[in-house]
Amino acid sequence: MTDQDPIPLHAKRDDRLDKAALAGNTKVTKDDWLAVAMDVLVSQGIEQVKVLTLGERLGVSRSSFYWYFKNRQDLLDALLSVWENQNTGAIVAHTLLPADTITAAVCNLFRCFVDIDVFNHQLDFAVREWSRRSGPVRHVVDRSDAARVEAIRAMFERHAYEPDDAVSRARILYYMQIGYYALELRESLETRLSLVPGYLKGFTGETPRQEEIDALAAYSRRVARENRNDANR
């Protein structure tokens, strides 16, 4: 990836916005640039994540972009960091939530996949597509996958699984979940919830408690309801 939109070295001082000028002439923030870049990455692919295109969508000149980022590559690096911190961070954090049983621990992990604001599966898929075209991005994706599997493996070991068994179960669970997104399965929430007891039994070898299943179902339905309400606003 290259720096496609550098600030010209011969630019006049008036062409470069100082902090006061930027504050008075634009309402966008660094997070706004990252949010629209993420939206374009998901909907159109990495090739369309361009400074001019993003500026047009935000309704600002591209000169304000350079207050926050050195160049396009700097934006792409920040975008990749957001993905890694959000998605990989969510999986790792959910494996560490308190749980009395391994089935409850897996239910905790399932919760992060229910809410797109916690684990953005669309962004995950878009970054994986991006990695097919970039060796450095592929390296970051591989690192994140390894960190995710390791966190799940450690979760199983904390519940007294033998090391080799924990590795196998972690890989099966994680690759199955990522496969859901890769295959773009169109299941209703209720269909997926109906499969949870069998999934838990298959992933852990243990029969889940009914209260664990009920708690996950209640959480999932609440998130779905909140997302529908947000979409209708």
C-alpha atoms as a PDB file:
ATOM      1  CA  MET A   1       0.000   0.000   0.000  1.00  0.00           C
ATOM      2  CA  THR A   2       1.272   3.421  -0.833  1.00  0.00           C
ATOM      3  CA  ASP A   3       0.843   7.004   0.277  1.00  0.00           C
ATOM      4  CA  GLN A   4      -1.629   8.196  -2.355  1.00  0.00           C
ATOM      5  CA  ASP A   5      -2.497  11.616  -1.006  1.00  0.00           C
ATOM      6  CA  PRO A   6       0.524  13.374   0.549  1.00  0.00           C
ATOM      7  CA  ILE A   7       0.460  17.069   1.410  1.00  0.00           C
ATOM      8  CA  PRO A   8       2.558  18.800  -1.267  1.00  0.00           C
ATOM      9  CA  LEU A   9       5.904  19.958   0.072  1.00  0.00           C
ATOM     10  CA  HIS A  10       5.425  23.287  -1.694  1.00  0.00           C
ATOM     11  CA  ALA A  11       2.018  23.956  -0.108  1.00  0.00           C
ATOM     12  CA  LYS A  12       1.554  27.512   1.093  1.00  0.00           C
ATOM     13  CA  ARG A  13       1.054  28.164   4.775  1.00  0.00           C
ATOM     14  CA  ASP A  14      -2.571  29.194   4.100  1.00  0.00           C
ATOM     15  CA  ASP A  15      -3.255  25.752   2.630  1.00  0.00           C
ATOM     16  CA  ARG A  16      -2.380  24.047   5.892  1.00  0.00           C
ATOM     17  CA  LEU A  17      -5.039  24.359   8.572  1.00  0.00           C
ATOM     18  CA  ASP A  18      -3.783  25.228  12.005  1.00  0.00           C
ATOM     19  CA  LYS A  19      -5.620  23.922  15.041  1.00  0.00           C
ATOM     20  CA  ALA A  20      -7.795  27.006  15.489  1.00  0.00           C
ATOM     21  CA  ALA A  21      -8.775  27.114  11.819  1.00  0.00           C
ATOM     22  CA  LEU A  22      -9.707  23.438  11.818  1.00  0.00           C
ATOM     23  CA  ALA A  23     -11.851  23.814  14.904  1.00  0.00           C
ATOM     24  CA  GLY A  24     -13.693  26.710  13.339  1.00  0.00           C
ATOM     25  CA  ASN A  25     -14.280  25.206   9.911  1.00  0.00           C
ATOM     26  CA  THR A  26     -15.048  21.543  10.396  1.00  0.00           C
ATOM     27  CA  LYS A  27     -17.090  19.411  12.737  1.00  0.00           C
ATOM     28  CA  VAL A  28     -15.448  16.098  11.909  1.00  0.00           C
ATOM     29  CA  THR A  29     -13.091  14.320  14.278  1.00  0.00           C
ATOM     30  CA  LYS A  30     -10.516  11.590  13.889  1.00  0.00           C
ATOM     31  CA  ASP A  31     -13.175   9.086  14.915  1.00  0.00           C
ATOM     32  CA  ASP A  32     -15.437  10.417  12.145  1.00  0.00           C
ATOM     33  CA  TRP A  33     -12.748   9.774   9.549  1.00  0.00           C
ATOM     34  CA  LEU A  34     -12.194   6.276  10.941  1.00  0.00           C
ATOM     35  CA  ALA A  35     -15.920   5.534  11.058  1.00  0.00           C
ATOM     36  CA  VAL A  36     -16.523   6.472   7.432  1.00  0.00           C
ATOM     37  CA  ALA A  37     -13.356   4.645   6.378  1.00  0.00           C
ATOM     38  CA  MET A  38     -14.647   1.550   8.164  1.00  0.00           C
ATOM     39  CA  ASP A  39     -18.019   1.882   6.438  1.00  0.00           C
ATOM     40  CA  VAL A  40     -16.380   2.139   3.027  1.00  0.00           C
ATOM     41  CA  LEU A  41     -14.060  -0.788   3.784  1.00  0.00           C
ATOM     42  CA  VAL A  42     -17.040  -2.969   4.694  1.00  0.00           C
ATOM     43  CA  SER A  43     -19.301  -1.891   1.850  1.00  0.00           C
ATOM     44  CA  GLN A  44     -16.856  -1.318  -1.023  1.00  0.00           C
ATOM     45  CA  GLY A  45     -13.478  -2.797  -0.147  1.00  0.00           C
ATOM     46  CA  ILE A  46     -10.067  -1.426   0.704  1.00  0.00           C
ATOM     47  CA  GLU A  47      -9.430  -0.029  -2.789  1.00  0.00           C
ATOM     48  CA  GLN A  48     -12.168   2.553  -2.248  1.00  0.00           C
ATOM     49  CA  VAL A  49     -10.820   3.808   1.075  1.00  0.00           C
ATOM     50  CA  LYS A  50      -9.393   7.013  -0.379  1.00  0.00           C
ATOM     51  CA  VAL A  51      -8.946  10.383   1.248  1.00  0.00           C
ATOM     52  CA  LEU A  52     -10.881  12.314  -1.395  1.00  0.00           C
ATOM     53  CA  THR A  53     -13.770   9.838  -1.320  1.00  0.00           C
ATOM     54  CA  LEU A  54     -13.980   9.925   2.468  1.00  0.00           C
ATOM     55  CA  GLY A  55     -13.834  13.707   2.520  1.00  0.00           C
ATOM     56  CA  GLU A  56     -16.722  13.919   0.067  1.00  0.00           C
ATOM     57  CA  ARG A  57     -18.815  11.623   2.242  1.00  0.00           C
ATOM     58  CA  LEU A  58     -18.041  13.719   5.303  1.00  0.00           C
ATOM     59  CA  GLY A  59     -18.652  16.969   3.451  1.00  0.00           C
ATOM     60  CA  VAL A  60     -15.226  18.422   4.232  1.00  0.00           C
ATOM     61  CA  SER A  61     -12.084  19.190   2.266  1.00  0.00           C
ATOM     62  CA  ARG A  62      -9.335  16.618   2.390  1.00  0.00           C
ATOM     63  CA  SER A  63      -6.971  19.134   3.971  1.00  0.00           C
ATOM     64  CA  SER A  64      -8.651  18.521   7.334  1.00  0.00           C
ATOM     65  CA  PHE A  65      -7.707  14.847   7.007  1.00  0.00           C
ATOM     66  CA  TYR A  66      -4.044  15.732   7.495  1.00  0.00           C
ATOM     67  CA  TRP A  67      -4.653  17.184  10.909  1.00  0.00           C
ATOM     68  CA  TYR A  68      -5.309  13.634  12.129  1.00  0.00           C
ATOM     69  CA  PHE A  69      -3.313  11.424   9.755  1.00  0.00           C
ATOM     70  CA  LYS A  70       0.039  11.759   8.005  1.00  0.00           C
ATOM     71  CA  ASN A  71      -1.224  10.118   4.839  1.00  0.00           C
ATOM     72  CA  ARG A  72      -3.519   7.362   3.590  1.00  0.00           C
ATOM     73  CA  GLN A  73      -1.228   4.650   4.937  1.00  0.00           C
ATOM     74  CA  ASP A  74      -1.470   6.185   8.387  1.00  0.00           C
ATOM     75  CA  LEU A  75      -5.274   5.963   8.132  1.00  0.00           C
ATOM     76  CA  LEU A  76      -5.120   2.330   7.025  1.00  0.00           C
ATOM     77  CA  ASP A  77      -2.807   1.473   9.910  1.00  0.00           C
ATOM     78  CA  ALA A  78      -5.227   3.137  12.329  1.00  0.00           C
ATOM     79  CA  LEU A  79      -8.166   1.308  10.770  1.00  0.00           C
ATOM     80  CA  LEU A  80      -6.416  -2.035  11.185  1.00  0.00           C
ATOM     81  CA  SER A  81      -5.611  -1.179  14.793  1.00  0.00           C
ATOM     82  CA  VAL A  82      -9.273  -0.361  15.489  1.00  0.00           C
ATOM     83  CA  TRP A  83     -10.284  -3.734  14.061  1.00  0.00           C
ATOM     84  CA  GLU A  84      -7.718  -5.637  16.105  1.00  0.00           C
ATOM     85  CA  ASN A  85      -8.504  -3.830  19.350  1.00  0.00           C
ATOM     86  CA  GLN A  86     -12.269  -4.111  18.912  1.00  0.00           C
ATOM     87  CA  ASN A  87     -12.787  -7.589  17.514  1.00  0.00           C
ATOM     88  CA  THR A  88      -9.842  -9.505  18.917  1.00  0.00           C
ATOM     89  CA  GLY A  89     -10.070  -7.562  22.159  1.00  0.00           C
ATOM     90  CA  ALA A  90     -13.743  -8.514  22.518  1.00  0.00           C
ATOM     91  CA  ILE A  91     -13.077 -12.230  22.115  1.00  0.00           C
ATOM     92  CA  VAL A  92     -10.200 -12.208  24.587  1.00  0.00           C
ATOM     93  CA  ALA A  93     -12.215 -10.198  27.133  1.00  0.00           C
ATOM     94  CA  HIS A  94     -15.228 -12.510  26.903  1.00  0.00           C
ATOM     95  CA  THR A  95     -13.098 -15.618  27.483  1.00  0.00           C
ATOM     96  CA  LEU A  96     -11.989 -14.062  30.771  1.00  0.00           C
ATOM     97  CA  LEU A  97     -15.473 -13.415  32.159  1.00  0.00           C
ATOM     98  CA  PRO A  98     -16.271 -15.347  35.374  1.00  0.00           C
ATOM     99  CA  ALA A  99     -18.010 -18.698  34.808  1.00  0.00           C
ATOM    100  CA  ASP A 100     -18.709 -21.612  37.116  1.00  0.00           C
ATOM    101  CA  THR A 101     -18.796 -24.152  34.285  1.00  0.00           C
ATOM    102  CA  ILE A 102     -17.210 -24.496  30.865  1.00  0.00           C
ATOM    103  CA  THR A 103     -20.650 -24.320  29.236  1.00  0.00           C
ATOM    104  CA  ALA A 104     -21.278 -21.007  30.979  1.00  0.00           C
ATOM    105  CA  ALA A 105     -17.858 -19.817  29.783  1.00  0.00           C
ATOM    106  CA  VAL A 106     -18.713 -20.668  26.170  1.00  0.00           C
ATOM    107  CA  CYS A 107     -22.057 -18.886  26.575  1.00  0.00           C
ATOM    108  CA  ASN A 108     -20.099 -15.812  27.685  1.00  0.00           C
ATOM    109  CA  LEU A 109     -18.026 -16.091  24.523  1.00  0.00           C
ATOM    110  CA  PHE A 110     -21.154 -16.431  22.391  1.00  0.00           C
ATOM    111  CA  ARG A 111     -22.381 -13.114  23.771  1.00  0.00           C
ATOM    112  CA  CYS A 112     -19.666 -11.156  22.024  1.00  0.00           C
ATOM    113  CA  PHE A 113     -20.738 -12.577  18.659  1.00  0.00           C
ATOM    114  CA  VAL A 114     -24.374 -11.615  19.225  1.00  0.00           C
ATOM    115  CA  ASP A 115     -23.776  -7.862  19.319  1.00  0.00           C
ATOM    116  CA  ILE A 116     -22.226  -6.206  16.258  1.00  0.00           C
ATOM    117  CA  ASP A 117     -21.202  -3.262  18.447  1.00  0.00           C
ATOM    118  CA  VAL A 118     -18.990  -5.671  20.398  1.00  0.00           C
ATOM    119  CA  PHE A 119     -17.733  -7.981  17.645  1.00  0.00           C
ATOM    120  CA  ASN A 120     -18.260  -6.504  14.180  1.00  0.00           C
ATOM    121  CA  HIS A 121     -18.397  -9.557  11.932  1.00  0.00           C
ATOM    122  CA  GLN A 122     -18.836  -7.435   8.793  1.00  0.00           C
ATOM    123  CA  LEU A 123     -15.614  -5.595   9.576  1.00  0.00           C
ATOM    124  CA  ASP A 124     -13.898  -8.896  10.344  1.00  0.00           C
ATOM    125  CA  PHE A 125     -14.837 -10.275   6.944  1.00  0.00           C
ATOM    126  CA  ALA A 126     -13.753  -7.056   5.183  1.00  0.00           C
ATOM    127  CA  VAL A 127     -10.347  -7.097   6.859  1.00  0.00           C
ATOM    128  CA  ARG A 128      -9.855 -10.732   5.836  1.00  0.00           C
ATOM    129  CA  GLU A 129     -10.628  -9.786   2.238  1.00  0.00           C
ATOM    130  CA  TRP A 130      -8.119  -6.946   2.535  1.00  0.00           C
ATOM    131  CA  SER A 131      -5.493  -9.375   3.829  1.00  0.00           C
ATOM    132  CA  ARG A 132      -5.713 -11.346   0.585  1.00  0.00           C
ATOM    133  CA  ARG A 133      -4.120  -8.346  -1.140  1.00  0.00           C
ATOM    134  CA  SER A 134      -1.595  -7.304   1.490  1.00  0.00           C
ATOM    135  CA  GLY A 135       1.157  -9.315   3.150  1.00  0.00           C
ATOM    136  CA  PRO A 136       1.466  -6.972   6.159  1.00  0.00           C
ATOM    137  CA  VAL A 137      -2.290  -7.097   6.764  1.00  0.00           C
ATOM    138  CA  ARG A 138      -2.206 -10.883   6.447  1.00  0.00           C
ATOM    139  CA  HIS A 139       0.423 -10.913   9.172  1.00  0.00           C
ATOM    140  CA  VAL A 140      -1.836  -8.890  11.495  1.00  0.00           C
ATOM    141  CA  VAL A 141      -4.815 -11.146  10.753  1.00  0.00           C
ATOM    142  CA  ASP A 142      -2.738 -14.260  11.467  1.00  0.00           C
ATOM    143  CA  ARG A 143      -1.545 -12.705  14.720  1.00  0.00           C
ATOM    144  CA  SER A 144      -5.108 -11.886  15.737  1.00  0.00           C
ATOM    145  CA  ASP A 145      -6.387 -15.369  14.885  1.00  0.00           C
ATOM    146  CA  ALA A 146      -3.605 -16.880  16.981  1.00  0.00           C
ATOM    147  CA  ALA A 147      -4.433 -14.591  19.914  1.00  0.00           C
ATOM    148  CA  ARG A 148      -8.121 -15.486  19.700  1.00  0.00           C
ATOM    149  CA  VAL A 149      -7.492 -19.225  19.608  1.00  0.00           C
ATOM    150  CA  GLU A 150      -4.993 -18.937  22.454  1.00  0.00           C
ATOM    151  CA  ALA A 151      -7.525 -17.087  24.615  1.00  0.00           C
ATOM    152  CA  ILE A 152     -10.150 -19.780  23.991  1.00  0.00           C
ATOM    153  CA  ARG A 153      -7.597 -22.529  24.633  1.00  0.00           C
ATOM    154  CA  ALA A 154      -6.713 -20.925  27.969  1.00  0.00           C
ATOM    155  CA  MET A 155     -10.417 -20.751  28.821  1.00  0.00           C
ATOM    156  CA  PHE A 156     -10.754 -24.504  28.359  1.00  0.00           C
ATOM    157  CA  GLU A 157      -7.616 -25.199  30.383  1.00  0.00           C
ATOM    158  CA  ARG A 158      -8.950 -23.099  33.267  1.00  0.00           C
ATOM    159  CA  HIS A 159     -11.856 -25.540  33.344  1.00  0.00           C
ATOM    160  CA  ALA A 160      -9.531 -28.529  33.734  1.00  0.00           C
ATOM    161  CA  TYR A 161      -9.231 -29.704  30.119  1.00  0.00           C
ATOM    162  CA  GLU A 162      -5.964 -31.364  29.152  1.00  0.00           C
ATOM    163  CA  PRO A 163      -3.707 -29.142  27.016  1.00  0.00           C
ATOM    164  CA  ASP A 164      -4.108 -31.082  23.764  1.00  0.00           C
ATOM    165  CA  ASP A 165      -7.867 -31.332  24.263  1.00  0.00           C
ATOM    166  CA  ALA A 166      -8.093 -27.614  25.013  1.00  0.00           C
ATOM    167  CA  VAL A 167      -6.262 -26.754  21.790  1.00  0.00           C
ATOM    168  CA  SER A 168      -8.514 -28.966  19.676  1.00  0.00           C
ATOM    169  CA  ARG A 169     -11.719 -27.637  21.225  1.00  0.00           C
ATOM    170  CA  ALA A 170     -10.553 -24.031  20.918  1.00  0.00           C
ATOM    171  CA  ARG A 171      -9.773 -24.428  17.237  1.00  0.00           C
ATOM    172  CA  ILE A 172     -13.061 -26.208  16.507  1.00  0.00           C
ATOM    173  CA  LEU A 173     -15.091 -23.548  18.314  1.00  0.00           C
ATOM    174  CA  TYR A 174     -13.292 -20.575  16.766  1.00  0.00           C
ATOM    175  CA  TYR A 175     -13.103 -21.864  13.207  1.00  0.00           C
ATOM    176  CA  MET A 176     -16.752 -22.856  13.299  1.00  0.00           C
ATOM    177  CA  GLN A 177     -17.720 -19.341  14.389  1.00  0.00           C
ATOM    178  CA  ILE A 178     -15.623 -17.659  11.696  1.00  0.00           C
ATOM    179  CA  GLY A 179     -17.058 -20.121   9.192  1.00  0.00           C
ATOM    180  CA  TYR A 180     -20.538 -18.846   9.990  1.00  0.00           C
ATOM    181  CA  TYR A 181     -19.532 -15.442   8.685  1.00  0.00           C
ATOM    182  CA  ALA A 182     -17.505 -16.718   5.730  1.00  0.00           C
ATOM    183  CA  LEU A 183     -20.488 -18.774   4.522  1.00  0.00           C
ATOM    184  CA  GLU A 184     -22.893 -15.866   5.139  1.00  0.00           C
ATOM    185  CA  LEU A 185     -25.467 -18.171   6.686  1.00  0.00           C
ATOM    186  CA  ARG A 186     -28.940 -16.641   6.868  1.00  0.00           C
ATOM    187  CA  GLU A 187     -30.357 -18.112  10.029  1.00  0.00           C
ATOM    188  CA  SER A 188     -32.948 -16.430  12.197  1.00  0.00           C
ATOM    189  CA  LEU A 189     -32.023 -15.692  15.781  1.00  0.00           C
ATOM    190  CA  GLU A 190     -34.530 -18.234  17.047  1.00  0.00           C
ATOM    191  CA  THR A 191     -33.126 -20.938  14.787  1.00  0.00           C
ATOM    192  CA  ARG A 192     -29.641 -20.268  16.024  1.00  0.00           C
ATOM    193  CA  LEU A 193     -30.730 -20.217  19.660  1.00  0.00           C
ATOM    194  CA  SER A 194     -32.433 -23.576  19.203  1.00  0.00           C
ATOM    195  CA  LEU A 195     -29.048 -25.044  18.232  1.00  0.00           C
ATOM    196  CA  VAL A 196     -27.174 -23.683  21.239  1.00  0.00           C
ATOM    197  CA  PRO A 197     -27.615 -26.714  23.537  1.00  0.00           C
ATOM    198  CA  GLY A 198     -26.209 -29.027  20.884  1.00  0.00           C
ATOM    199  CA  TYR A 199     -23.348 -26.663  20.106  1.00  0.00           C
ATOM    200  CA  LEU A 200     -22.425 -26.443  23.784  1.00  0.00           C
ATOM    201  CA  LYS A 201     -22.482 -30.212  24.136  1.00  0.00           C
ATOM    202  CA  GLY A 202     -20.372 -30.627  21.020  1.00  0.00           C
ATOM    203  CA  PHE A 203     -17.812 -27.961  21.922  1.00  0.00           C
ATOM    204  CA  THR A 204     -17.383 -28.956  25.563  1.00  0.00           C
ATOM    205  CA  GLY A 205     -18.548 -32.542  25.955  1.00  0.00           C
ATOM    206  CA  GLU A 206     -20.734 -31.318  28.823  1.00  0.00           C
ATOM    207  CA  THR A 207     -24.484 -30.877  29.103  1.00  0.00           C
ATOM    208  CA  PRO A 208     -25.299 -27.197  29.696  1.00  0.00           C
ATOM    209  CA  ARG A 209     -27.549 -26.041  32.496  1.00  0.00           C
ATOM    210  CA  GLN A 210     -30.935 -24.720  31.443  1.00  0.00           C
ATOM    211  CA  GLU A 211     -30.317 -21.422  33.240  1.00  0.00           C
ATOM    212  CA  GLU A 212     -27.183 -20.885  31.149  1.00  0.00           C
ATOM    213  CA  ILE A 213     -29.124 -21.400  27.928  1.00  0.00           C
ATOM    214  CA  ASP A 214     -31.968 -19.170  29.144  1.00  0.00           C
ATOM    215  CA  ALA A 215     -29.579 -16.358  30.120  1.00  0.00           C
ATOM    216  CA  LEU A 216     -27.877 -16.402  26.713  1.00  0.00           C
ATOM    217  CA  ALA A 217     -31.233 -16.446  24.924  1.00  0.00           C
ATOM    218  CA  ALA A 218     -32.525 -13.506  26.970  1.00  0.00           C
ATOM    219  CA  TYR A 219     -29.364 -11.506  26.287  1.00  0.00           C
ATOM    220  CA  SER A 220     -29.476 -12.276  22.561  1.00  0.00           C
ATOM    221  CA  ARG A 221     -33.123 -11.277  22.207  1.00  0.00           C
ATOM    222  CA  ARG A 222     -32.535  -8.047  24.118  1.00  0.00           C
ATOM    223  CA  VAL A 223     -29.617  -7.091  21.871  1.00  0.00           C
ATOM    224  CA  ALA A 224     -31.658  -7.903  18.756  1.00  0.00           C
ATOM    225  CA  ARG A 225     -34.537  -5.796  20.036  1.00  0.00           C
ATOM    226  CA  GLU A 226     -32.232  -2.849  20.808  1.00  0.00           C
ATOM    227  CA  ASN A 227     -30.656  -3.091  17.365  1.00  0.00           C
ATOM    228  CA  ARG A 228     -34.096  -3.017  15.724  1.00  0.00           C
ATOM    229  CA  ASN A 229     -35.050   0.026  17.756  1.00  0.00           C
ATOM    230  CA  ASP A 230     -31.838   1.798  16.760  1.00  0.00           C
ATOM    231  CA  ALA A 231     -32.468   0.991  13.091  1.00  0.00           C
ATOM    232  CA  ASN A 232     -35.972   2.464  13.262  1.00  0.00           C
ATOM    233  CA  ARG A 233     -34.894   5.770  14.747  1.00  0.00           C
END
